[in-house]
């Protein structure tokens, strides 16, 4: 899968996505991530990409010409692929695992990162297919949200993770928050690992994990718990706590 990110700060994109699992997926040729510097396409000799908004107001807006020229150049690089153009914006649809699964069906995603007070609306009207938000808060730019989208979508691509269970059973992906997990030593500062996890009885372990997930989700995310119970009307059997 190919990701093209239009940004004023390509180094930030490369620094975040060039490491760990996503970095290895790029080196292995499973995904490709390209960060395109919008400033490279400005017609202004000072590489200026912003201007004051019509009607007044604080801050500056990213102008149309550099973004549109950058986008047109990127589209030529992409060739004939199934793509979707996304603008990271607090007024967009909230990004979650379901949206990530939708986006993973595309051959290519083009992500536009805003900065300053945003971008000229005509750019959005001209090239953007959908606006996405990662939550109800304000950031200095769209680079970090874009990296989050790339990371979440990439994990769903065959070959990025060693086993599809890695993402199917994880928190949120399964519909529930993840159960508590433990590793060696079995006792640390007087706190013991739950006995069931040391038993080697896989059925009991799975039942314990499901029960803990249900408890945590009900407590912390009642919205997810309600949706899960409605989709799984059969009530899980209670197991003794350890």
C-alpha atoms as a PDB file:
ATOM      1  CA  UNK A   1       0.000   0.000   0.000  1.00  0.00           C
ATOM      2  CA  UNK A   2       1.176   3.507  -0.770  1.00  0.00           C
ATOM      3  CA  UNK A   3       0.825   6.583   1.451  1.00  0.00           C
ATOM      4  CA  UNK A   4       1.524  10.088   0.135  1.00  0.00           C
ATOM      5  CA  UNK A   5       1.596  12.827   2.763  1.00  0.00           C
ATOM      6  CA  UNK A   6       1.511  16.482   1.718  1.00  0.00           C
ATOM      7  CA  UNK A   7       3.155  18.509   4.464  1.00  0.00           C
ATOM      8  CA  UNK A   8       5.303  21.492   5.381  1.00  0.00           C
ATOM      9  CA  UNK A   9       7.405  19.264   7.647  1.00  0.00           C
ATOM     10  CA  UNK A  10       8.440  16.060   5.850  1.00  0.00           C
ATOM     11  CA  UNK A  11      11.218  15.424   8.368  1.00  0.00           C
ATOM     12  CA  UNK A  12       8.623  15.014  11.100  1.00  0.00           C
ATOM     13  CA  UNK A  13       6.757  12.408   9.074  1.00  0.00           C
ATOM     14  CA  UNK A  14       9.919  10.481   8.257  1.00  0.00           C
ATOM     15  CA  UNK A  15      11.120  10.558  11.861  1.00  0.00           C
ATOM     16  CA  UNK A  16       7.889   9.053  13.197  1.00  0.00           C
ATOM     17  CA  UNK A  17       7.179   6.498  10.474  1.00  0.00           C
ATOM     18  CA  UNK A  18      10.742   5.451   9.706  1.00  0.00           C
ATOM     19  CA  UNK A  19      11.161   3.371  12.857  1.00  0.00           C
ATOM     20  CA  UNK A  20       9.840   0.177  14.444  1.00  0.00           C
ATOM     21  CA  UNK A  21       7.180  -1.937  12.721  1.00  0.00           C
ATOM     22  CA  UNK A  22       6.178   0.700  10.152  1.00  0.00           C
ATOM     23  CA  UNK A  23       9.812   1.384   9.301  1.00  0.00           C
ATOM     24  CA  UNK A  24      10.477  -2.318   8.793  1.00  0.00           C
ATOM     25  CA  UNK A  25       7.360  -2.652   6.631  1.00  0.00           C
ATOM     26  CA  UNK A  26       8.730   0.089   4.381  1.00  0.00           C
ATOM     27  CA  UNK A  27      12.150  -1.537   4.145  1.00  0.00           C
ATOM     28  CA  UNK A  28      10.466  -4.829   3.322  1.00  0.00           C
ATOM     29  CA  UNK A  29       8.490  -3.255   0.483  1.00  0.00           C
ATOM     30  CA  UNK A  30       5.104  -4.037   2.066  1.00  0.00           C
ATOM     31  CA  UNK A  31       4.097  -0.380   2.282  1.00  0.00           C
ATOM     32  CA  UNK A  32       5.530   2.862   0.904  1.00  0.00           C
ATOM     33  CA  UNK A  33       5.380   6.211   2.685  1.00  0.00           C
ATOM     34  CA  UNK A  34       6.299   9.404   0.829  1.00  0.00           C
ATOM     35  CA  UNK A  35       6.384  12.796   2.538  1.00  0.00           C
ATOM     36  CA  UNK A  36       6.083  15.625  -0.012  1.00  0.00           C
ATOM     37  CA  UNK A  37       7.231  19.114   0.957  1.00  0.00           C
ATOM     38  CA  UNK A  38       4.547  21.594  -0.102  1.00  0.00           C
ATOM     39  CA  UNK A  39       7.136  24.386  -0.025  1.00  0.00           C
ATOM     40  CA  UNK A  40       8.883  22.771  -2.993  1.00  0.00           C
ATOM     41  CA  UNK A  41       5.895  23.726  -5.142  1.00  0.00           C
ATOM     42  CA  UNK A  42       5.448  27.371  -4.204  1.00  0.00           C
ATOM     43  CA  UNK A  43       5.821  29.983  -6.931  1.00  0.00           C
ATOM     44  CA  UNK A  44       7.064  32.468  -4.351  1.00  0.00           C
ATOM     45  CA  UNK A  45      10.830  33.006  -4.341  1.00  0.00           C
ATOM     46  CA  UNK A  46      10.781  33.134  -0.547  1.00  0.00           C
ATOM     47  CA  UNK A  47       9.022  29.742  -0.402  1.00  0.00           C
ATOM     48  CA  UNK A  48       6.052  31.413   1.246  1.00  0.00           C
ATOM     49  CA  UNK A  49       3.014  29.129   1.502  1.00  0.00           C
ATOM     50  CA  UNK A  50       0.600  31.154   3.632  1.00  0.00           C
ATOM     51  CA  UNK A  51      -1.268  34.463   3.606  1.00  0.00           C
ATOM     52  CA  UNK A  52      -3.721  36.478   5.682  1.00  0.00           C
ATOM     53  CA  UNK A  53      -7.364  35.325   5.576  1.00  0.00           C
ATOM     54  CA  UNK A  54      -9.995  37.406   3.794  1.00  0.00           C
ATOM     55  CA  UNK A  55     -12.379  38.976   6.293  1.00  0.00           C
ATOM     56  CA  UNK A  56      -9.685  39.362   8.919  1.00  0.00           C
ATOM     57  CA  UNK A  57      -8.900  37.197  11.903  1.00  0.00           C
ATOM     58  CA  UNK A  58      -5.890  35.854  13.708  1.00  0.00           C
ATOM     59  CA  UNK A  59      -3.212  33.741  12.136  1.00  0.00           C
ATOM     60  CA  UNK A  60      -2.417  32.767   8.566  1.00  0.00           C
ATOM     61  CA  UNK A  61      -3.958  30.370   6.064  1.00  0.00           C
ATOM     62  CA  UNK A  62      -2.122  27.969   3.778  1.00  0.00           C
ATOM     63  CA  UNK A  63      -2.643  29.193   0.219  1.00  0.00           C
ATOM     64  CA  UNK A  64      -4.134  27.309  -2.714  1.00  0.00           C
ATOM     65  CA  UNK A  65      -1.353  27.318  -5.328  1.00  0.00           C
ATOM     66  CA  UNK A  66       1.418  25.398  -3.514  1.00  0.00           C
ATOM     67  CA  UNK A  67      -0.958  22.727  -2.233  1.00  0.00           C
ATOM     68  CA  UNK A  68      -2.743  22.170  -5.528  1.00  0.00           C
ATOM     69  CA  UNK A  69       0.502  22.055  -7.508  1.00  0.00           C
ATOM     70  CA  UNK A  70       1.976  19.600  -5.006  1.00  0.00           C
ATOM     71  CA  UNK A  71      -1.151  17.441  -5.221  1.00  0.00           C
ATOM     72  CA  UNK A  72      -1.124  17.389  -9.019  1.00  0.00           C
ATOM     73  CA  UNK A  73       2.529  16.335  -9.049  1.00  0.00           C
ATOM     74  CA  UNK A  74       1.825  13.566  -6.545  1.00  0.00           C
ATOM     75  CA  UNK A  75      -1.104  12.258  -8.573  1.00  0.00           C
ATOM     76  CA  UNK A  76       1.199  11.870 -11.572  1.00  0.00           C
ATOM     77  CA  UNK A  77       3.624   9.902  -9.406  1.00  0.00           C
ATOM     78  CA  UNK A  78       0.860   7.615  -8.171  1.00  0.00           C
ATOM     79  CA  UNK A  79      -0.333   6.619 -11.607  1.00  0.00           C
ATOM     80  CA  UNK A  80      -3.553   4.656 -12.041  1.00  0.00           C
ATOM     81  CA  UNK A  81      -4.306   3.554  -8.495  1.00  0.00           C
ATOM     82  CA  UNK A  82      -7.387   3.470  -6.312  1.00  0.00           C
ATOM     83  CA  UNK A  83      -6.767   6.360  -3.945  1.00  0.00           C
ATOM     84  CA  UNK A  84      -8.548   8.550  -1.418  1.00  0.00           C
ATOM     85  CA  UNK A  85      -7.567  12.091  -0.454  1.00  0.00           C
ATOM     86  CA  UNK A  86      -7.870  12.907   3.239  1.00  0.00           C
ATOM     87  CA  UNK A  87      -7.473  16.215   5.033  1.00  0.00           C
ATOM     88  CA  UNK A  88      -6.673  15.952   8.734  1.00  0.00           C
ATOM     89  CA  UNK A  89      -9.082  18.378  10.395  1.00  0.00           C
ATOM     90  CA  UNK A  90     -10.839  18.696  13.795  1.00  0.00           C
ATOM     91  CA  UNK A  91     -14.139  19.132  11.961  1.00  0.00           C
ATOM     92  CA  UNK A  92     -13.856  15.779  10.180  1.00  0.00           C
ATOM     93  CA  UNK A  93     -15.274  12.328  10.908  1.00  0.00           C
ATOM     94  CA  UNK A  94     -13.628  10.855  13.994  1.00  0.00           C
ATOM     95  CA  UNK A  95     -10.978   8.312  13.067  1.00  0.00           C
ATOM     96  CA  UNK A  96     -11.275   4.891  14.698  1.00  0.00           C
ATOM     97  CA  UNK A  97     -10.551   1.227  13.975  1.00  0.00           C
ATOM     98  CA  UNK A  98     -13.590   0.863  11.710  1.00  0.00           C
ATOM     99  CA  UNK A  99     -12.434   3.797   9.599  1.00  0.00           C
ATOM    100  CA  UNK A 100      -8.924   2.313   9.476  1.00  0.00           C
ATOM    101  CA  UNK A 101     -10.397  -0.911   8.067  1.00  0.00           C
ATOM    102  CA  UNK A 102     -12.242   1.099   5.395  1.00  0.00           C
ATOM    103  CA  UNK A 103      -9.072   2.903   4.371  1.00  0.00           C
ATOM    104  CA  UNK A 104      -7.052  -0.314   4.242  1.00  0.00           C
ATOM    105  CA  UNK A 105      -9.125  -1.328   1.203  1.00  0.00           C
ATOM    106  CA  UNK A 106      -7.496   1.375  -0.920  1.00  0.00           C
ATOM    107  CA  UNK A 107      -4.318   0.960  -2.943  1.00  0.00           C
ATOM    108  CA  UNK A 108      -3.162   4.423  -1.955  1.00  0.00           C
ATOM    109  CA  UNK A 109      -4.005   7.150   0.547  1.00  0.00           C
ATOM    110  CA  UNK A 110      -3.112  10.802   0.018  1.00  0.00           C
ATOM    111  CA  UNK A 111      -3.113  12.760   3.283  1.00  0.00           C
ATOM    112  CA  UNK A 112      -3.017  16.547   3.419  1.00  0.00           C
ATOM    113  CA  UNK A 113      -1.625  18.133   6.584  1.00  0.00           C
ATOM    114  CA  UNK A 114      -2.806  21.612   7.461  1.00  0.00           C
ATOM    115  CA  UNK A 115      -0.887  24.125   9.536  1.00  0.00           C
ATOM    116  CA  UNK A 116      -1.290  27.625  10.961  1.00  0.00           C
ATOM    117  CA  UNK A 117      -5.044  28.398  10.977  1.00  0.00           C
ATOM    118  CA  UNK A 118      -5.803  25.802   8.316  1.00  0.00           C
ATOM    119  CA  UNK A 119      -6.025  25.897   4.532  1.00  0.00           C
ATOM    120  CA  UNK A 120      -8.042  27.778   1.936  1.00  0.00           C
ATOM    121  CA  UNK A 121     -11.478  26.150   1.630  1.00  0.00           C
ATOM    122  CA  UNK A 122     -11.121  25.992  -2.142  1.00  0.00           C
ATOM    123  CA  UNK A 123      -8.368  23.415  -1.747  1.00  0.00           C
ATOM    124  CA  UNK A 124     -10.700  21.209   0.273  1.00  0.00           C
ATOM    125  CA  UNK A 125     -13.489  21.645  -2.258  1.00  0.00           C
ATOM    126  CA  UNK A 126     -11.151  20.873  -5.154  1.00  0.00           C
ATOM    127  CA  UNK A 127      -9.125  17.863  -4.072  1.00  0.00           C
ATOM    128  CA  UNK A 128     -10.262  16.428  -0.713  1.00  0.00           C
ATOM    129  CA  UNK A 129     -12.526  13.364  -0.519  1.00  0.00           C
ATOM    130  CA  UNK A 130     -12.938  13.316   3.248  1.00  0.00           C
ATOM    131  CA  UNK A 131     -11.863  15.186   6.360  1.00  0.00           C
ATOM    132  CA  UNK A 132     -10.761  13.101   9.352  1.00  0.00           C
ATOM    133  CA  UNK A 133     -10.202  14.033  12.996  1.00  0.00           C
ATOM    134  CA  UNK A 134      -8.327  12.074  15.655  1.00  0.00           C
ATOM    135  CA  UNK A 135     -10.227  13.730  18.514  1.00  0.00           C
ATOM    136  CA  UNK A 136     -11.654  16.852  20.084  1.00  0.00           C
ATOM    137  CA  UNK A 137      -8.481  18.794  20.699  1.00  0.00           C
ATOM    138  CA  UNK A 138      -6.272  21.212  18.807  1.00  0.00           C
ATOM    139  CA  UNK A 139      -2.758  20.462  17.532  1.00  0.00           C
ATOM    140  CA  UNK A 140      -0.210  22.680  15.829  1.00  0.00           C
ATOM    141  CA  UNK A 141      -0.525  20.785  12.546  1.00  0.00           C
ATOM    142  CA  UNK A 142      -1.797  17.687  10.799  1.00  0.00           C
ATOM    143  CA  UNK A 143       1.491  15.779  10.766  1.00  0.00           C
ATOM    144  CA  UNK A 144       0.999  13.770  13.955  1.00  0.00           C
ATOM    145  CA  UNK A 145      -2.624  12.886  13.069  1.00  0.00           C
ATOM    146  CA  UNK A 146      -1.451  11.792   9.605  1.00  0.00           C
ATOM    147  CA  UNK A 147       1.168   9.521  11.183  1.00  0.00           C
ATOM    148  CA  UNK A 148      -1.500   8.004  13.424  1.00  0.00           C
ATOM    149  CA  UNK A 149      -3.674   7.217  10.412  1.00  0.00           C
ATOM    150  CA  UNK A 150      -0.770   5.646   8.518  1.00  0.00           C
ATOM    151  CA  UNK A 151       0.247   3.563  11.526  1.00  0.00           C
ATOM    152  CA  UNK A 152      -3.279   2.296  12.254  1.00  0.00           C
ATOM    153  CA  UNK A 153      -4.037   1.473   8.612  1.00  0.00           C
ATOM    154  CA  UNK A 154      -0.648  -0.122   7.948  1.00  0.00           C
ATOM    155  CA  UNK A 155      -1.144  -2.639  10.756  1.00  0.00           C
ATOM    156  CA  UNK A 156      -4.092  -4.055   8.812  1.00  0.00           C
ATOM    157  CA  UNK A 157      -2.032  -4.705   5.684  1.00  0.00           C
ATOM    158  CA  UNK A 158      -0.989  -8.324   5.143  1.00  0.00           C
ATOM    159  CA  UNK A 159       2.630  -8.850   6.099  1.00  0.00           C
ATOM    160  CA  UNK A 160       3.080  -5.753   8.272  1.00  0.00           C
ATOM    161  CA  UNK A 161       2.399  -7.746  11.447  1.00  0.00           C
ATOM    162  CA  UNK A 162       3.624 -11.286  11.913  1.00  0.00           C
ATOM    163  CA  UNK A 163       0.133 -12.680  12.568  1.00  0.00           C
ATOM    164  CA  UNK A 164      -3.344 -11.277  11.941  1.00  0.00           C
ATOM    165  CA  UNK A 165      -4.199 -12.283  15.531  1.00  0.00           C
ATOM    166  CA  UNK A 166      -1.884  -9.451  16.558  1.00  0.00           C
ATOM    167  CA  UNK A 167      -4.475  -6.929  15.435  1.00  0.00           C
ATOM    168  CA  UNK A 168      -7.726  -8.908  15.552  1.00  0.00           C
ATOM    169  CA  UNK A 169      -7.487  -9.661  19.283  1.00  0.00           C
ATOM    170  CA  UNK A 170      -6.038  -6.358  20.413  1.00  0.00           C
ATOM    171  CA  UNK A 171      -7.808  -3.646  22.350  1.00  0.00           C
ATOM    172  CA  UNK A 172     -10.570  -1.907  20.345  1.00  0.00           C
ATOM    173  CA  UNK A 173     -10.046  -4.150  17.302  1.00  0.00           C
ATOM    174  CA  UNK A 174     -11.900  -6.949  19.086  1.00  0.00           C
ATOM    175  CA  UNK A 175     -14.649  -4.570  20.204  1.00  0.00           C
ATOM    176  CA  UNK A 176     -13.416  -4.605  23.800  1.00  0.00           C
ATOM    177  CA  UNK A 177     -10.606  -3.027  25.778  1.00  0.00           C
ATOM    178  CA  UNK A 178      -7.648  -5.332  26.209  1.00  0.00           C
ATOM    179  CA  UNK A 179      -7.301  -7.538  29.305  1.00  0.00           C
ATOM    180  CA  UNK A 180      -4.353  -7.020  31.737  1.00  0.00           C
ATOM    181  CA  UNK A 181      -1.126  -8.745  30.711  1.00  0.00           C
ATOM    182  CA  UNK A 182       1.890  -9.945  32.711  1.00  0.00           C
ATOM    183  CA  UNK A 183       5.413 -11.245  32.135  1.00  0.00           C
ATOM    184  CA  UNK A 184       8.253 -12.575  34.299  1.00  0.00           C
ATOM    185  CA  UNK A 185       8.863 -12.553  37.210  1.00  0.00           C
ATOM    186  CA  UNK A 186       5.781 -14.292  38.615  1.00  0.00           C
ATOM    187  CA  UNK A 187       6.080 -12.199  41.796  1.00  0.00           C
ATOM    188  CA  UNK A 188       7.266  -8.579  41.806  1.00  0.00           C
ATOM    189  CA  UNK A 189       7.335  -6.519  45.014  1.00  0.00           C
ATOM    190  CA  UNK A 190       4.770  -8.807  46.554  1.00  0.00           C
ATOM    191  CA  UNK A 191       2.379  -8.614  43.603  1.00  0.00           C
ATOM    192  CA  UNK A 192       1.633 -11.961  41.979  1.00  0.00           C
ATOM    193  CA  UNK A 193       0.602 -12.845  38.446  1.00  0.00           C
ATOM    194  CA  UNK A 194      -2.981 -14.220  38.439  1.00  0.00           C
ATOM    195  CA  UNK A 195      -2.805 -17.970  39.057  1.00  0.00           C
ATOM    196  CA  UNK A 196      -4.898 -18.878  36.020  1.00  0.00           C
ATOM    197  CA  UNK A 197      -2.231 -17.461  33.685  1.00  0.00           C
ATOM    198  CA  UNK A 198       0.316 -19.861  35.144  1.00  0.00           C
ATOM    199  CA  UNK A 199      -1.956 -22.894  34.871  1.00  0.00           C
ATOM    200  CA  UNK A 200      -1.322 -23.761  31.227  1.00  0.00           C
ATOM    201  CA  UNK A 201      -5.074 -24.369  30.829  1.00  0.00           C
ATOM    202  CA  UNK A 202      -5.777 -22.456  27.626  1.00  0.00           C
ATOM    203  CA  UNK A 203      -9.575 -22.558  27.847  1.00  0.00           C
ATOM    204  CA  UNK A 204      -9.541 -21.120  31.362  1.00  0.00           C
ATOM    205  CA  UNK A 205      -7.000 -18.496  30.341  1.00  0.00           C
ATOM    206  CA  UNK A 206      -9.154 -17.363  27.402  1.00  0.00           C
ATOM    207  CA  UNK A 207     -12.241 -17.239  29.633  1.00  0.00           C
ATOM    208  CA  UNK A 208     -10.338 -15.157  32.210  1.00  0.00           C
ATOM    209  CA  UNK A 209      -9.115 -12.751  29.568  1.00  0.00           C
ATOM    210  CA  UNK A 210     -12.600 -12.274  28.140  1.00  0.00           C
ATOM    211  CA  UNK A 211     -14.052 -11.616  31.577  1.00  0.00           C
ATOM    212  CA  UNK A 212     -11.384  -9.061  32.423  1.00  0.00           C
ATOM    213  CA  UNK A 213     -11.924  -7.360  29.037  1.00  0.00           C
ATOM    214  CA  UNK A 214     -15.646  -7.171  29.661  1.00  0.00           C
ATOM    215  CA  UNK A 215     -15.142  -5.726  33.135  1.00  0.00           C
ATOM    216  CA  UNK A 216     -12.669  -3.084  31.972  1.00  0.00           C
ATOM    217  CA  UNK A 217     -14.786  -2.098  28.980  1.00  0.00           C
ATOM    218  CA  UNK A 218     -17.954  -1.804  31.058  1.00  0.00           C
ATOM    219  CA  UNK A 219     -16.127   0.385  33.576  1.00  0.00           C
ATOM    220  CA  UNK A 220     -14.159   2.626  31.238  1.00  0.00           C
ATOM    221  CA  UNK A 221     -15.995   2.556  27.898  1.00  0.00           C
ATOM    222  CA  UNK A 222     -19.677   1.786  28.475  1.00  0.00           C
ATOM    223  CA  UNK A 223     -20.395   2.752  24.868  1.00  0.00           C
ATOM    224  CA  UNK A 224     -18.140  -0.030  23.580  1.00  0.00           C
ATOM    225  CA  UNK A 225     -19.498  -2.456  26.165  1.00  0.00           C
ATOM    226  CA  UNK A 226     -23.090  -1.811  25.101  1.00  0.00           C
ATOM    227  CA  UNK A 227     -22.239  -2.288  21.426  1.00  0.00           C
ATOM    228  CA  UNK A 228     -20.374  -5.520  22.163  1.00  0.00           C
ATOM    229  CA  UNK A 229     -23.183  -6.983  24.283  1.00  0.00           C
ATOM    230  CA  UNK A 230     -25.739  -6.143  21.597  1.00  0.00           C
ATOM    231  CA  UNK A 231     -23.581  -7.913  19.015  1.00  0.00           C
ATOM    232  CA  UNK A 232     -22.927 -10.885  21.342  1.00  0.00           C
ATOM    233  CA  UNK A 233     -26.192 -11.481  23.213  1.00  0.00           C
ATOM    234  CA  UNK A 234     -24.966 -14.765  24.689  1.00  0.00           C
ATOM    235  CA  UNK A 235     -23.773 -14.033  28.217  1.00  0.00           C
ATOM    236  CA  UNK A 236     -20.251 -15.361  28.926  1.00  0.00           C
ATOM    237  CA  UNK A 237     -19.930 -17.748  31.843  1.00  0.00           C
ATOM    238  CA  UNK A 238     -18.405 -16.273  34.944  1.00  0.00           C
ATOM    239  CA  UNK A 239     -15.120 -17.667  36.112  1.00  0.00           C
ATOM    240  CA  UNK A 240     -13.597 -17.438  39.534  1.00  0.00           C
ATOM    241  CA  UNK A 241     -11.328 -14.419  39.880  1.00  0.00           C
ATOM    242  CA  UNK A 242      -7.670 -14.937  40.658  1.00  0.00           C
END
